[in-house]
Amino acid sequence: MIACIRGKLLECTPVMALIEAGGLGYEIFIPVTTAEKLPSTGDEVVLYIQDIYRDDAALLYGFIDRESRDFFKLIVEKVSGIGPRIAVSLMSRFPLEYLLNAIGEGDSVALSKCPGIGKKTAERIIVELKDKIPAWKASSGMQNNVDSQNSITPSIAMGQSLAEKDAYDALITLGYKSAEAERSLKKAFTKLGKEATTQDLIRWSLGN
C-alpha cells in the first residue's frame, strides 16, 4: 500500500498529476481542490495516496493533505453506491470542511448540486456518514474553525483555448456527457469572459 508520494511534479491537469519519484512516473488522479494547491511543474510536491485495485487496473488517487485522503477513503468504503469517480467529483465541487458541515447538518440540497449525485444519493451519504463524522474529525485532528465558505484561489492560469480543452477533459472525467460539458463550458465562457482559467470554468460548471 502506498501512503504518500514525494517527488517532482512533471505534469498537472485539473484531474491528474504526474509525479516522478525514484526514477518512476506515477499518474495520480486528483480532485480539482487538490490541483488548485499544487506547485508549478518542476517543483517538489507531496500527495497523500489512496490506491484502488480493480480487476483490470491499479489506480492511484492523490490529495494535498492527509484529511482529504482519509475522507475519500471513508466515503468510498462506507457509502454504498459511491465509487472513486463520484467521490472525486464531490471533492472537486466542495472544500473538505464544507462537505463535512453539509453532512453533519443533513444538507442534502447542497450535496445534490454535485454532478452524479442526486437527491437519493445525497441522502444516503448523510445517513451513512453523519454519525461517523464527529469521531472521524476528532481522530484526524481537524480544526473546526475553518471557514468552509472561503473560495480557493486557482494556482494554474492558462490561455483560453487550453483552458477550455482542459476544463472539457476534466468535466468528462468527472462524469459529464460530451454534450453537457460543451453546453456548460459555453455558458461559463459567456459568464466569466475570455480570461477565465481552467479552474474558473470547472467550478462554474460544477455549480450551475
N, C-alpha and C. Protein backbone atom coordinates (compact mmCIF):
# COMPACT_ATOMS: atom_id res chain seq x y z
N MET A 1 0.84 -1.20 0.00
CA MET A 1 0.00 0.00 0.00
C MET A 1 0.88 1.25 0.00
N ILE A 2 0.56 2.21 -0.86
CA ILE A 2 1.29 3.46 -0.93
C ILE A 2 0.58 4.50 -0.08
N ALA A 3 1.27 5.08 0.89
CA ALA A 3 0.67 6.07 1.78
C ALA A 3 0.81 7.48 1.23
N CYS A 4 1.97 7.78 0.67
CA CYS A 4 2.19 9.10 0.08
C CYS A 4 3.31 9.00 -0.94
N ILE A 5 3.37 9.99 -1.83
CA ILE A 5 4.42 10.06 -2.83
C ILE A 5 5.02 11.46 -2.80
N ARG A 6 6.34 11.51 -2.66
CA ARG A 6 7.06 12.78 -2.73
C ARG A 6 7.95 12.75 -3.96
N GLY A 7 7.84 13.77 -4.79
CA GLY A 7 8.67 13.80 -5.97
C GLY A 7 8.47 15.07 -6.77
N LYS A 8 8.98 15.07 -7.99
CA LYS A 8 8.90 16.25 -8.86
C LYS A 8 7.63 16.20 -9.68
N LEU A 9 6.90 17.31 -9.68
CA LEU A 9 5.67 17.40 -10.46
C LEU A 9 6.03 17.62 -11.93
N LEU A 10 5.76 16.61 -12.76
CA LEU A 10 6.10 16.69 -14.19
C LEU A 10 4.98 17.30 -15.01
N GLU A 11 3.75 16.90 -14.72
CA GLU A 11 2.59 17.41 -15.45
C GLU A 11 1.44 17.57 -14.47
N CYS A 12 0.50 18.43 -14.84
CA CYS A 12 -0.68 18.61 -14.00
C CYS A 12 -1.85 19.09 -14.84
N THR A 13 -3.00 18.46 -14.66
CA THR A 13 -4.27 18.93 -15.21
C THR A 13 -5.20 19.09 -14.01
N PRO A 14 -6.40 19.59 -14.21
CA PRO A 14 -7.32 19.71 -13.06
C PRO A 14 -7.70 18.39 -12.41
N VAL A 15 -7.45 17.26 -13.10
CA VAL A 15 -7.87 15.97 -12.53
C VAL A 15 -6.75 14.94 -12.50
N MET A 16 -5.53 15.31 -12.85
CA MET A 16 -4.43 14.35 -12.87
C MET A 16 -3.09 15.03 -12.61
N ALA A 17 -2.25 14.35 -11.84
CA ALA A 17 -0.88 14.82 -11.61
C ALA A 17 0.08 13.69 -11.96
N LEU A 18 1.16 14.03 -12.65
CA LEU A 18 2.21 13.06 -12.97
C LEU A 18 3.43 13.44 -12.15
N ILE A 19 3.83 12.53 -11.24
CA ILE A 19 4.92 12.80 -10.32
C ILE A 19 6.04 11.80 -10.55
N GLU A 20 7.26 12.32 -10.67
CA GLU A 20 8.45 11.47 -10.79
C GLU A 20 9.05 11.27 -9.40
N ALA A 21 9.19 10.03 -9.00
CA ALA A 21 9.78 9.70 -7.70
C ALA A 21 10.58 8.40 -7.83
N GLY A 22 11.84 8.44 -7.45
CA GLY A 22 12.67 7.25 -7.51
C GLY A 22 12.85 6.70 -8.90
N GLY A 23 12.85 7.57 -9.90
CA GLY A 23 13.04 7.12 -11.27
C GLY A 23 11.78 6.61 -11.95
N LEU A 24 10.65 6.65 -11.24
CA LEU A 24 9.38 6.19 -11.81
C LEU A 24 8.42 7.37 -11.93
N GLY A 25 7.52 7.31 -12.92
CA GLY A 25 6.50 8.33 -13.07
C GLY A 25 5.14 7.78 -12.63
N TYR A 26 4.53 8.43 -11.67
CA TYR A 26 3.24 7.98 -11.13
C TYR A 26 2.12 8.87 -11.65
N GLU A 27 1.14 8.27 -12.33
CA GLU A 27 -0.05 9.00 -12.77
C GLU A 27 -1.08 8.91 -11.65
N ILE A 28 -1.46 10.06 -11.13
CA ILE A 28 -2.31 10.10 -9.94
C ILE A 28 -3.55 10.94 -10.22
N PHE A 29 -4.71 10.37 -9.99
CA PHE A 29 -5.96 11.10 -10.17
C PHE A 29 -6.21 11.98 -8.94
N ILE A 30 -6.64 13.21 -9.17
CA ILE A 30 -6.80 14.17 -8.09
C ILE A 30 -8.10 14.94 -8.26
N PRO A 31 -8.67 15.45 -7.16
CA PRO A 31 -9.81 16.38 -7.29
C PRO A 31 -9.31 17.77 -7.65
N VAL A 32 -10.21 18.60 -8.17
CA VAL A 32 -9.84 19.96 -8.56
C VAL A 32 -9.31 20.75 -7.36
N THR A 33 -9.85 20.50 -6.18
CA THR A 33 -9.42 21.22 -4.99
C THR A 33 -7.97 20.93 -4.63
N THR A 34 -7.47 19.77 -5.03
CA THR A 34 -6.04 19.47 -4.85
C THR A 34 -5.22 20.11 -5.97
N ALA A 35 -5.71 20.05 -7.20
CA ALA A 35 -4.99 20.64 -8.33
C ALA A 35 -4.72 22.11 -8.11
N GLU A 36 -5.67 22.80 -7.49
CA GLU A 36 -5.53 24.24 -7.25
C GLU A 36 -4.40 24.57 -6.28
N LYS A 37 -3.99 23.59 -5.49
CA LYS A 37 -2.97 23.85 -4.48
C LYS A 37 -1.60 23.29 -4.84
N LEU A 38 -1.48 22.71 -6.01
CA LEU A 38 -0.20 22.14 -6.41
C LEU A 38 0.78 23.24 -6.83
N PRO A 39 2.08 22.99 -6.65
CA PRO A 39 3.09 23.97 -7.07
C PRO A 39 3.25 23.96 -8.58
N SER A 40 4.18 24.74 -9.08
CA SER A 40 4.47 24.78 -10.51
C SER A 40 5.15 23.48 -10.93
N THR A 41 5.00 23.11 -12.20
CA THR A 41 5.69 21.92 -12.69
C THR A 41 7.19 22.09 -12.52
N GLY A 42 7.84 21.00 -12.16
CA GLY A 42 9.27 21.02 -11.88
C GLY A 42 9.58 21.13 -10.41
N ASP A 43 8.61 21.57 -9.61
CA ASP A 43 8.81 21.70 -8.17
C ASP A 43 8.49 20.39 -7.46
N GLU A 44 8.97 20.26 -6.24
CA GLU A 44 8.68 19.07 -5.44
C GLU A 44 7.29 19.17 -4.84
N VAL A 45 6.62 18.05 -4.75
CA VAL A 45 5.27 18.01 -4.19
C VAL A 45 5.09 16.70 -3.42
N VAL A 46 4.22 16.73 -2.43
CA VAL A 46 3.84 15.53 -1.69
C VAL A 46 2.34 15.34 -1.83
N LEU A 47 1.92 14.16 -2.25
CA LEU A 47 0.50 13.84 -2.30
C LEU A 47 0.24 12.61 -1.43
N TYR A 48 -0.84 12.67 -0.67
CA TYR A 48 -1.27 11.53 0.13
C TYR A 48 -2.13 10.63 -0.75
N ILE A 49 -1.83 9.34 -0.73
CA ILE A 49 -2.34 8.42 -1.74
C ILE A 49 -3.33 7.42 -1.17
N GLN A 50 -4.37 7.16 -1.96
CA GLN A 50 -5.25 6.02 -1.73
C GLN A 50 -5.23 5.18 -3.00
N ASP A 51 -4.79 3.94 -2.89
CA ASP A 51 -4.76 3.09 -4.07
C ASP A 51 -6.05 2.29 -4.17
N ILE A 52 -6.55 2.17 -5.38
CA ILE A 52 -7.78 1.43 -5.67
C ILE A 52 -7.45 0.34 -6.68
N TYR A 53 -7.71 -0.90 -6.32
CA TYR A 53 -7.40 -2.01 -7.20
C TYR A 53 -8.67 -2.55 -7.84
N ARG A 54 -8.62 -2.69 -9.17
CA ARG A 54 -9.71 -3.29 -9.93
C ARG A 54 -9.17 -4.52 -10.65
N ASP A 55 -10.07 -5.26 -11.28
CA ASP A 55 -9.64 -6.46 -11.99
C ASP A 55 -8.68 -6.12 -13.12
N ASP A 56 -8.89 -4.94 -13.74
CA ASP A 56 -8.10 -4.60 -14.92
C ASP A 56 -7.09 -3.48 -14.70
N ALA A 57 -7.01 -2.95 -13.48
CA ALA A 57 -6.10 -1.82 -13.28
C ALA A 57 -5.86 -1.57 -11.79
N ALA A 58 -4.74 -0.90 -11.52
CA ALA A 58 -4.44 -0.40 -10.18
C ALA A 58 -4.34 1.11 -10.29
N LEU A 59 -5.23 1.85 -9.64
CA LEU A 59 -5.32 3.30 -9.79
C LEU A 59 -4.89 3.99 -8.51
N LEU A 60 -4.24 5.13 -8.68
CA LEU A 60 -3.81 5.94 -7.54
C LEU A 60 -4.61 7.23 -7.50
N TYR A 61 -5.13 7.56 -6.33
CA TYR A 61 -5.85 8.82 -6.11
C TYR A 61 -5.06 9.62 -5.08
N GLY A 62 -4.78 10.88 -5.40
CA GLY A 62 -3.92 11.68 -4.55
C GLY A 62 -4.61 12.93 -4.03
N PHE A 63 -4.16 13.38 -2.85
CA PHE A 63 -4.77 14.53 -2.19
C PHE A 63 -3.69 15.36 -1.52
N ILE A 64 -3.95 16.66 -1.43
CA ILE A 64 -2.95 17.60 -0.94
C ILE A 64 -2.70 17.45 0.55
N ASP A 65 -3.66 16.87 1.29
CA ASP A 65 -3.46 16.67 2.72
C ASP A 65 -4.04 15.32 3.14
N ARG A 66 -3.60 14.88 4.30
CA ARG A 66 -3.99 13.57 4.81
C ARG A 66 -5.50 13.49 5.07
N GLU A 67 -6.08 14.60 5.57
CA GLU A 67 -7.50 14.59 5.91
C GLU A 67 -8.38 14.36 4.68
N SER A 68 -8.01 14.98 3.57
CA SER A 68 -8.78 14.79 2.34
C SER A 68 -8.68 13.35 1.85
N ARG A 69 -7.47 12.79 1.93
CA ARG A 69 -7.29 11.38 1.55
C ARG A 69 -8.14 10.47 2.42
N ASP A 70 -8.14 10.73 3.71
CA ASP A 70 -8.90 9.87 4.63
C ASP A 70 -10.40 10.00 4.42
N PHE A 71 -10.86 11.22 4.08
CA PHE A 71 -12.29 11.38 3.82
C PHE A 71 -12.68 10.65 2.54
N PHE A 72 -11.84 10.72 1.52
CA PHE A 72 -12.09 9.98 0.28
C PHE A 72 -12.23 8.49 0.58
N LYS A 73 -11.33 7.97 1.38
CA LYS A 73 -11.38 6.55 1.75
C LYS A 73 -12.66 6.24 2.53
N LEU A 74 -13.04 7.15 3.43
CA LEU A 74 -14.24 6.95 4.24
C LEU A 74 -15.49 6.85 3.38
N ILE A 75 -15.63 7.79 2.44
CA ILE A 75 -16.86 7.84 1.65
C ILE A 75 -16.93 6.68 0.66
N VAL A 76 -15.79 6.28 0.11
CA VAL A 76 -15.79 5.16 -0.85
C VAL A 76 -16.07 3.85 -0.14
N GLU A 77 -15.53 3.68 1.06
CA GLU A 77 -15.68 2.41 1.77
C GLU A 77 -17.00 2.29 2.53
N LYS A 78 -17.55 3.41 2.99
CA LYS A 78 -18.71 3.35 3.88
C LYS A 78 -20.05 3.67 3.23
N VAL A 79 -20.02 4.31 2.06
CA VAL A 79 -21.29 4.68 1.42
C VAL A 79 -21.53 3.77 0.22
N SER A 80 -22.59 2.99 0.27
CA SER A 80 -22.89 2.07 -0.81
C SER A 80 -23.24 2.84 -2.07
N GLY A 81 -22.73 2.39 -3.19
CA GLY A 81 -23.03 3.01 -4.47
C GLY A 81 -22.14 4.18 -4.83
N ILE A 82 -21.21 4.56 -3.96
CA ILE A 82 -20.28 5.65 -4.24
C ILE A 82 -18.91 5.07 -4.58
N GLY A 83 -18.51 5.28 -5.82
CA GLY A 83 -17.19 4.82 -6.25
C GLY A 83 -16.19 5.96 -6.27
N PRO A 84 -14.96 5.68 -6.64
CA PRO A 84 -13.92 6.71 -6.64
C PRO A 84 -14.24 7.91 -7.52
N ARG A 85 -14.83 7.69 -8.70
CA ARG A 85 -15.08 8.80 -9.61
C ARG A 85 -16.09 9.79 -9.02
N ILE A 86 -17.16 9.28 -8.44
CA ILE A 86 -18.16 10.17 -7.84
C ILE A 86 -17.58 10.86 -6.61
N ALA A 87 -16.77 10.14 -5.84
CA ALA A 87 -16.15 10.74 -4.66
C ALA A 87 -15.22 11.89 -5.07
N VAL A 88 -14.44 11.70 -6.13
CA VAL A 88 -13.56 12.77 -6.61
C VAL A 88 -14.38 13.94 -7.13
N SER A 89 -15.48 13.66 -7.81
CA SER A 89 -16.35 14.73 -8.29
C SER A 89 -16.91 15.55 -7.14
N LEU A 90 -17.32 14.88 -6.08
CA LEU A 90 -17.84 15.56 -4.90
C LEU A 90 -16.78 16.42 -4.25
N MET A 91 -15.56 15.90 -4.15
CA MET A 91 -14.47 16.65 -3.52
C MET A 91 -13.90 17.72 -4.44
N SER A 92 -14.21 17.65 -5.73
CA SER A 92 -13.84 18.72 -6.65
C SER A 92 -14.82 19.89 -6.53
N ARG A 93 -16.04 19.58 -6.21
CA ARG A 93 -17.09 20.61 -6.14
C ARG A 93 -17.00 21.42 -4.85
N PHE A 94 -16.64 20.78 -3.73
CA PHE A 94 -16.67 21.45 -2.43
C PHE A 94 -15.35 21.26 -1.67
N PRO A 95 -14.91 22.28 -0.93
CA PRO A 95 -13.80 22.09 0.02
C PRO A 95 -14.19 21.07 1.09
N LEU A 96 -13.21 20.42 1.68
CA LEU A 96 -13.48 19.35 2.63
C LEU A 96 -14.33 19.80 3.81
N GLU A 97 -14.00 20.93 4.41
CA GLU A 97 -14.75 21.36 5.60
C GLU A 97 -16.21 21.64 5.26
N TYR A 98 -16.45 22.17 4.07
CA TYR A 98 -17.83 22.41 3.64
C TYR A 98 -18.58 21.09 3.54
N LEU A 99 -17.94 20.07 2.96
CA LEU A 99 -18.57 18.76 2.85
C LEU A 99 -18.91 18.19 4.22
N LEU A 100 -17.96 18.28 5.14
CA LEU A 100 -18.19 17.74 6.48
C LEU A 100 -19.35 18.46 7.17
N ASN A 101 -19.41 19.78 7.01
CA ASN A 101 -20.50 20.53 7.62
C ASN A 101 -21.84 20.18 6.98
N ALA A 102 -21.86 20.03 5.64
CA ALA A 102 -23.10 19.69 4.95
C ALA A 102 -23.62 18.33 5.39
N ILE A 103 -22.72 17.38 5.55
CA ILE A 103 -23.13 16.05 6.01
C ILE A 103 -23.62 16.12 7.46
N GLY A 104 -22.88 16.83 8.30
CA GLY A 104 -23.26 16.94 9.71
C GLY A 104 -24.59 17.63 9.90
N GLU A 105 -24.90 18.59 9.04
CA GLU A 105 -26.16 19.33 9.15
C GLU A 105 -27.29 18.71 8.34
N GLY A 106 -27.00 17.61 7.66
CA GLY A 106 -28.03 16.93 6.88
C GLY A 106 -28.48 17.72 5.66
N ASP A 107 -27.58 18.48 5.06
CA ASP A 107 -27.92 19.35 3.94
C ASP A 107 -27.82 18.58 2.62
N SER A 108 -28.85 17.81 2.30
CA SER A 108 -28.85 17.03 1.07
C SER A 108 -28.97 17.91 -0.17
N VAL A 109 -29.57 19.09 -0.03
CA VAL A 109 -29.71 20.00 -1.16
C VAL A 109 -28.34 20.44 -1.67
N ALA A 110 -27.45 20.79 -0.74
CA ALA A 110 -26.10 21.21 -1.13
C ALA A 110 -25.35 20.07 -1.81
N LEU A 111 -25.40 18.89 -1.25
CA LEU A 111 -24.67 17.76 -1.81
C LEU A 111 -25.19 17.37 -3.19
N SER A 112 -26.50 17.49 -3.39
CA SER A 112 -27.09 17.07 -4.66
C SER A 112 -26.78 18.02 -5.80
N LYS A 113 -26.13 19.16 -5.51
CA LYS A 113 -25.71 20.08 -6.58
C LYS A 113 -24.51 19.54 -7.34
N CYS A 114 -23.88 18.53 -6.80
CA CYS A 114 -22.70 17.95 -7.45
C CYS A 114 -23.14 17.02 -8.58
N PRO A 115 -22.54 17.11 -9.76
CA PRO A 115 -22.87 16.20 -10.87
C PRO A 115 -22.69 14.74 -10.47
N GLY A 116 -23.66 13.91 -10.82
CA GLY A 116 -23.60 12.49 -10.50
C GLY A 116 -24.21 12.13 -9.17
N ILE A 117 -24.63 13.14 -8.40
CA ILE A 117 -25.22 12.88 -7.09
C ILE A 117 -26.63 13.48 -7.05
N GLY A 118 -27.61 12.63 -7.09
CA GLY A 118 -29.00 13.06 -7.00
C GLY A 118 -29.44 13.16 -5.55
N LYS A 119 -30.71 13.46 -5.37
CA LYS A 119 -31.24 13.65 -4.03
C LYS A 119 -31.12 12.38 -3.18
N LYS A 120 -31.45 11.23 -3.77
CA LYS A 120 -31.40 9.98 -3.01
C LYS A 120 -29.96 9.63 -2.61
N THR A 121 -29.03 9.84 -3.53
CA THR A 121 -27.63 9.55 -3.21
C THR A 121 -27.12 10.49 -2.13
N ALA A 122 -27.49 11.77 -2.22
CA ALA A 122 -27.09 12.74 -1.19
C ALA A 122 -27.63 12.34 0.17
N GLU A 123 -28.87 11.91 0.20
CA GLU A 123 -29.48 11.49 1.46
C GLU A 123 -28.79 10.24 2.01
N ARG A 124 -28.38 9.33 1.12
CA ARG A 124 -27.69 8.12 1.56
C ARG A 124 -26.32 8.46 2.14
N ILE A 125 -25.62 9.42 1.52
CA ILE A 125 -24.33 9.86 2.07
C ILE A 125 -24.51 10.38 3.49
N ILE A 126 -25.54 11.19 3.69
CA ILE A 126 -25.79 11.77 5.02
C ILE A 126 -26.13 10.68 6.03
N VAL A 127 -27.03 9.77 5.66
CA VAL A 127 -27.45 8.71 6.58
C VAL A 127 -26.28 7.83 6.99
N GLU A 128 -25.41 7.48 6.02
CA GLU A 128 -24.34 6.54 6.30
C GLU A 128 -23.09 7.17 6.91
N LEU A 129 -22.98 8.51 6.82
CA LEU A 129 -21.77 9.14 7.35
C LEU A 129 -22.01 10.10 8.52
N LYS A 130 -23.22 10.59 8.67
CA LYS A 130 -23.46 11.65 9.66
C LYS A 130 -22.98 11.28 11.05
N ASP A 131 -23.27 10.08 11.50
CA ASP A 131 -22.87 9.66 12.85
C ASP A 131 -21.37 9.37 12.94
N LYS A 132 -20.72 9.19 11.80
CA LYS A 132 -19.30 8.86 11.81
C LYS A 132 -18.41 10.12 11.77
N ILE A 133 -18.96 11.23 11.29
CA ILE A 133 -18.16 12.44 11.07
C ILE A 133 -17.54 12.99 12.36
N PRO A 134 -18.29 13.14 13.48
CA PRO A 134 -17.68 13.72 14.68
C PRO A 134 -16.45 12.95 15.16
N ALA A 135 -16.56 11.62 15.22
CA ALA A 135 -15.42 10.80 15.66
C ALA A 135 -14.29 10.87 14.65
N TRP A 136 -14.63 10.91 13.37
CA TRP A 136 -13.61 10.99 12.32
C TRP A 136 -12.85 12.30 12.42
N LYS A 137 -13.56 13.42 12.63
CA LYS A 137 -12.90 14.72 12.75
C LYS A 137 -11.99 14.76 13.97
N ALA A 138 -12.46 14.18 15.06
CA ALA A 138 -11.65 14.18 16.28
C ALA A 138 -10.38 13.37 16.10
N SER A 139 -10.50 12.22 15.45
CA SER A 139 -9.32 11.35 15.28
C SER A 139 -8.34 11.94 14.27
N SER A 140 -8.86 12.73 13.31
CA SER A 140 -7.99 13.31 12.29
C SER A 140 -7.33 14.60 12.76
N GLY A 141 -7.82 15.15 13.88
CA GLY A 141 -7.23 16.38 14.40
C GLY A 141 -7.64 17.61 13.63
N MET A 142 -8.73 17.53 12.87
CA MET A 142 -9.17 18.69 12.10
C MET A 142 -9.67 19.79 13.01
N GLN A 143 -9.41 21.04 12.62
CA GLN A 143 -9.89 22.20 13.36
C GLN A 143 -11.29 22.53 12.90
N ASN A 144 -12.12 22.98 13.82
CA ASN A 144 -13.49 23.31 13.49
C ASN A 144 -13.69 24.78 13.13
N ASN A 145 -12.61 25.56 13.16
CA ASN A 145 -12.77 26.98 12.91
C ASN A 145 -12.39 27.38 11.49
N VAL A 146 -12.31 26.40 10.59
CA VAL A 146 -12.01 26.70 9.20
C VAL A 146 -13.23 27.30 8.54
N ASP A 147 -13.04 28.37 7.80
CA ASP A 147 -14.15 29.00 7.09
C ASP A 147 -14.44 28.20 5.83
N SER A 148 -15.47 27.36 5.89
CA SER A 148 -15.75 26.47 4.77
C SER A 148 -16.30 27.18 3.56
N GLN A 149 -16.70 28.44 3.70
CA GLN A 149 -17.25 29.15 2.57
C GLN A 149 -16.17 29.84 1.74
N ASN A 150 -14.95 29.93 2.27
CA ASN A 150 -13.90 30.61 1.53
C ASN A 150 -13.61 29.88 0.23
N SER A 151 -13.47 30.63 -0.83
CA SER A 151 -13.10 30.03 -2.10
C SER A 151 -11.60 29.78 -2.12
N ILE A 152 -11.18 28.88 -3.00
CA ILE A 152 -9.78 28.55 -3.13
C ILE A 152 -9.23 29.27 -4.34
N THR A 153 -8.14 29.99 -4.17
CA THR A 153 -7.58 30.75 -5.27
C THR A 153 -6.91 29.82 -6.26
N PRO A 154 -7.30 29.86 -7.53
CA PRO A 154 -6.69 28.99 -8.52
C PRO A 154 -5.20 29.27 -8.63
N SER A 155 -4.41 28.21 -8.81
CA SER A 155 -2.97 28.37 -8.91
C SER A 155 -2.45 28.08 -10.31
N ILE A 156 -3.37 27.70 -11.22
CA ILE A 156 -2.95 27.35 -12.57
C ILE A 156 -3.67 28.26 -13.55
N ALA A 157 -2.98 29.21 -14.13
CA ALA A 157 -3.58 30.11 -15.10
C ALA A 157 -3.20 29.66 -16.51
N MET A 158 -4.19 29.61 -17.40
CA MET A 158 -3.93 29.12 -18.73
C MET A 158 -4.61 30.02 -19.75
N GLY A 159 -4.19 29.93 -20.99
CA GLY A 159 -4.85 30.66 -22.05
C GLY A 159 -6.23 30.09 -22.34
N GLN A 160 -7.01 30.83 -23.07
CA GLN A 160 -8.41 30.45 -23.26
C GLN A 160 -8.56 29.09 -23.93
N SER A 161 -7.89 28.85 -25.05
CA SER A 161 -8.08 27.61 -25.78
C SER A 161 -7.64 26.41 -24.96
N LEU A 162 -6.51 26.52 -24.30
CA LEU A 162 -6.03 25.43 -23.46
C LEU A 162 -6.91 25.26 -22.24
N ALA A 163 -7.38 26.37 -21.69
CA ALA A 163 -8.27 26.30 -20.53
C ALA A 163 -9.55 25.57 -20.88
N GLU A 164 -10.10 25.88 -22.05
CA GLU A 164 -11.34 25.23 -22.48
C GLU A 164 -11.14 23.73 -22.68
N LYS A 165 -10.03 23.37 -23.32
CA LYS A 165 -9.76 21.95 -23.56
C LYS A 165 -9.57 21.20 -22.25
N ASP A 166 -8.77 21.75 -21.35
CA ASP A 166 -8.51 21.08 -20.08
C ASP A 166 -9.78 20.99 -19.23
N ALA A 167 -10.58 22.06 -19.26
CA ALA A 167 -11.83 22.05 -18.50
C ALA A 167 -12.79 21.00 -19.06
N TYR A 168 -12.84 20.90 -20.39
CA TYR A 168 -13.69 19.89 -21.03
C TYR A 168 -13.25 18.49 -20.61
N ASP A 169 -11.95 18.22 -20.70
CA ASP A 169 -11.44 16.89 -20.32
C ASP A 169 -11.75 16.58 -18.85
N ALA A 170 -11.62 17.61 -18.00
CA ALA A 170 -11.89 17.40 -16.58
C ALA A 170 -13.35 17.08 -16.33
N LEU A 171 -14.25 17.79 -17.00
CA LEU A 171 -15.67 17.54 -16.81
C LEU A 171 -16.06 16.14 -17.29
N ILE A 172 -15.47 15.70 -18.40
CA ILE A 172 -15.74 14.34 -18.88
C ILE A 172 -15.27 13.31 -17.84
N THR A 173 -14.07 13.54 -17.28
CA THR A 173 -13.55 12.65 -16.26
C THR A 173 -14.44 12.62 -15.03
N LEU A 174 -15.04 13.77 -14.71
CA LEU A 174 -15.91 13.88 -13.54
C LEU A 174 -17.33 13.38 -13.78
N GLY A 175 -17.61 12.87 -14.98
CA GLY A 175 -18.89 12.24 -15.21
C GLY A 175 -19.84 12.94 -16.16
N TYR A 176 -19.45 14.07 -16.72
CA TYR A 176 -20.30 14.77 -17.67
C TYR A 176 -20.32 14.02 -19.01
N LYS A 177 -21.46 14.09 -19.70
CA LYS A 177 -21.50 13.64 -21.08
C LYS A 177 -20.96 14.75 -21.97
N SER A 178 -20.52 14.37 -23.18
CA SER A 178 -19.85 15.34 -24.05
C SER A 178 -20.72 16.57 -24.32
N ALA A 179 -21.98 16.36 -24.66
CA ALA A 179 -22.86 17.49 -24.98
C ALA A 179 -23.08 18.37 -23.76
N GLU A 180 -23.19 17.75 -22.59
CA GLU A 180 -23.39 18.51 -21.36
C GLU A 180 -22.17 19.37 -21.05
N ALA A 181 -20.98 18.79 -21.22
CA ALA A 181 -19.75 19.54 -20.95
C ALA A 181 -19.61 20.72 -21.90
N GLU A 182 -19.87 20.49 -23.19
CA GLU A 182 -19.75 21.57 -24.16
C GLU A 182 -20.75 22.69 -23.86
N ARG A 183 -21.99 22.32 -23.55
CA ARG A 183 -23.02 23.32 -23.26
C ARG A 183 -22.67 24.12 -22.01
N SER A 184 -22.20 23.43 -20.99
CA SER A 184 -21.86 24.11 -19.73
C SER A 184 -20.68 25.06 -19.91
N LEU A 185 -19.66 24.64 -20.67
CA LEU A 185 -18.49 25.48 -20.88
C LEU A 185 -18.81 26.70 -21.73
N LYS A 186 -19.71 26.53 -22.69
CA LYS A 186 -20.14 27.67 -23.49
C LYS A 186 -20.79 28.74 -22.61
N LYS A 187 -21.63 28.29 -21.70
CA LYS A 187 -22.28 29.23 -20.77
C LYS A 187 -21.24 29.85 -19.83
N ALA A 188 -20.26 29.04 -19.41
CA ALA A 188 -19.24 29.54 -18.49
C ALA A 188 -18.41 30.64 -19.14
N PHE A 189 -18.03 30.45 -20.41
CA PHE A 189 -17.26 31.48 -21.10
C PHE A 189 -18.07 32.76 -21.27
N THR A 190 -19.37 32.60 -21.55
CA THR A 190 -20.23 33.77 -21.69
C THR A 190 -20.30 34.54 -20.38
N LYS A 191 -20.36 33.80 -19.28
CA LYS A 191 -20.49 34.43 -17.96
C LYS A 191 -19.17 34.99 -17.45
N LEU A 192 -18.08 34.24 -17.63
CA LEU A 192 -16.81 34.58 -16.99
C LEU A 192 -15.86 35.38 -17.88
N GLY A 193 -16.03 35.28 -19.19
CA GLY A 193 -15.17 36.03 -20.08
C GLY A 193 -13.95 35.24 -20.54
N LYS A 194 -13.17 35.84 -21.43
CA LYS A 194 -12.05 35.17 -22.08
C LYS A 194 -10.88 34.89 -21.13
N GLU A 195 -10.81 35.63 -20.02
CA GLU A 195 -9.67 35.46 -19.12
C GLU A 195 -9.89 34.35 -18.09
N ALA A 196 -11.00 33.63 -18.19
CA ALA A 196 -11.30 32.58 -17.21
C ALA A 196 -10.24 31.48 -17.27
N THR A 197 -9.79 31.03 -16.12
CA THR A 197 -8.84 29.92 -16.04
C THR A 197 -9.58 28.59 -16.10
N THR A 198 -8.82 27.52 -16.22
CA THR A 198 -9.41 26.18 -16.22
C THR A 198 -10.24 25.95 -14.97
N GLN A 199 -9.69 26.33 -13.81
CA GLN A 199 -10.42 26.12 -12.56
C GLN A 199 -11.68 26.97 -12.49
N ASP A 200 -11.62 28.20 -13.01
CA ASP A 200 -12.80 29.05 -13.06
C ASP A 200 -13.93 28.35 -13.82
N LEU A 201 -13.58 27.81 -14.98
CA LEU A 201 -14.58 27.17 -15.83
C LEU A 201 -15.16 25.92 -15.17
N ILE A 202 -14.28 25.13 -14.55
CA ILE A 202 -14.75 23.90 -13.91
C ILE A 202 -15.65 24.22 -12.73
N ARG A 203 -15.24 25.16 -11.89
CA ARG A 203 -16.04 25.50 -10.72
C ARG A 203 -17.40 26.06 -11.12
N TRP A 204 -17.42 26.90 -12.15
CA TRP A 204 -18.70 27.46 -12.59
C TRP A 204 -19.59 26.34 -13.12
N SER A 205 -19.01 25.43 -13.88
CA SER A 205 -19.78 24.33 -14.46
C SER A 205 -20.33 23.40 -13.39
N LEU A 206 -19.52 23.11 -12.40
CA LEU A 206 -19.97 22.21 -11.33
C LEU A 206 -21.06 22.84 -10.48
N GLY A 207 -21.07 24.16 -10.42
CA GLY A 207 -22.03 24.83 -9.54
C GLY A 207 -23.27 25.34 -10.24
N ASN A 208 -23.39 25.10 -11.56
CA ASN A 208 -24.55 25.62 -12.31
C ASN A 208 -25.16 24.55 -13.21
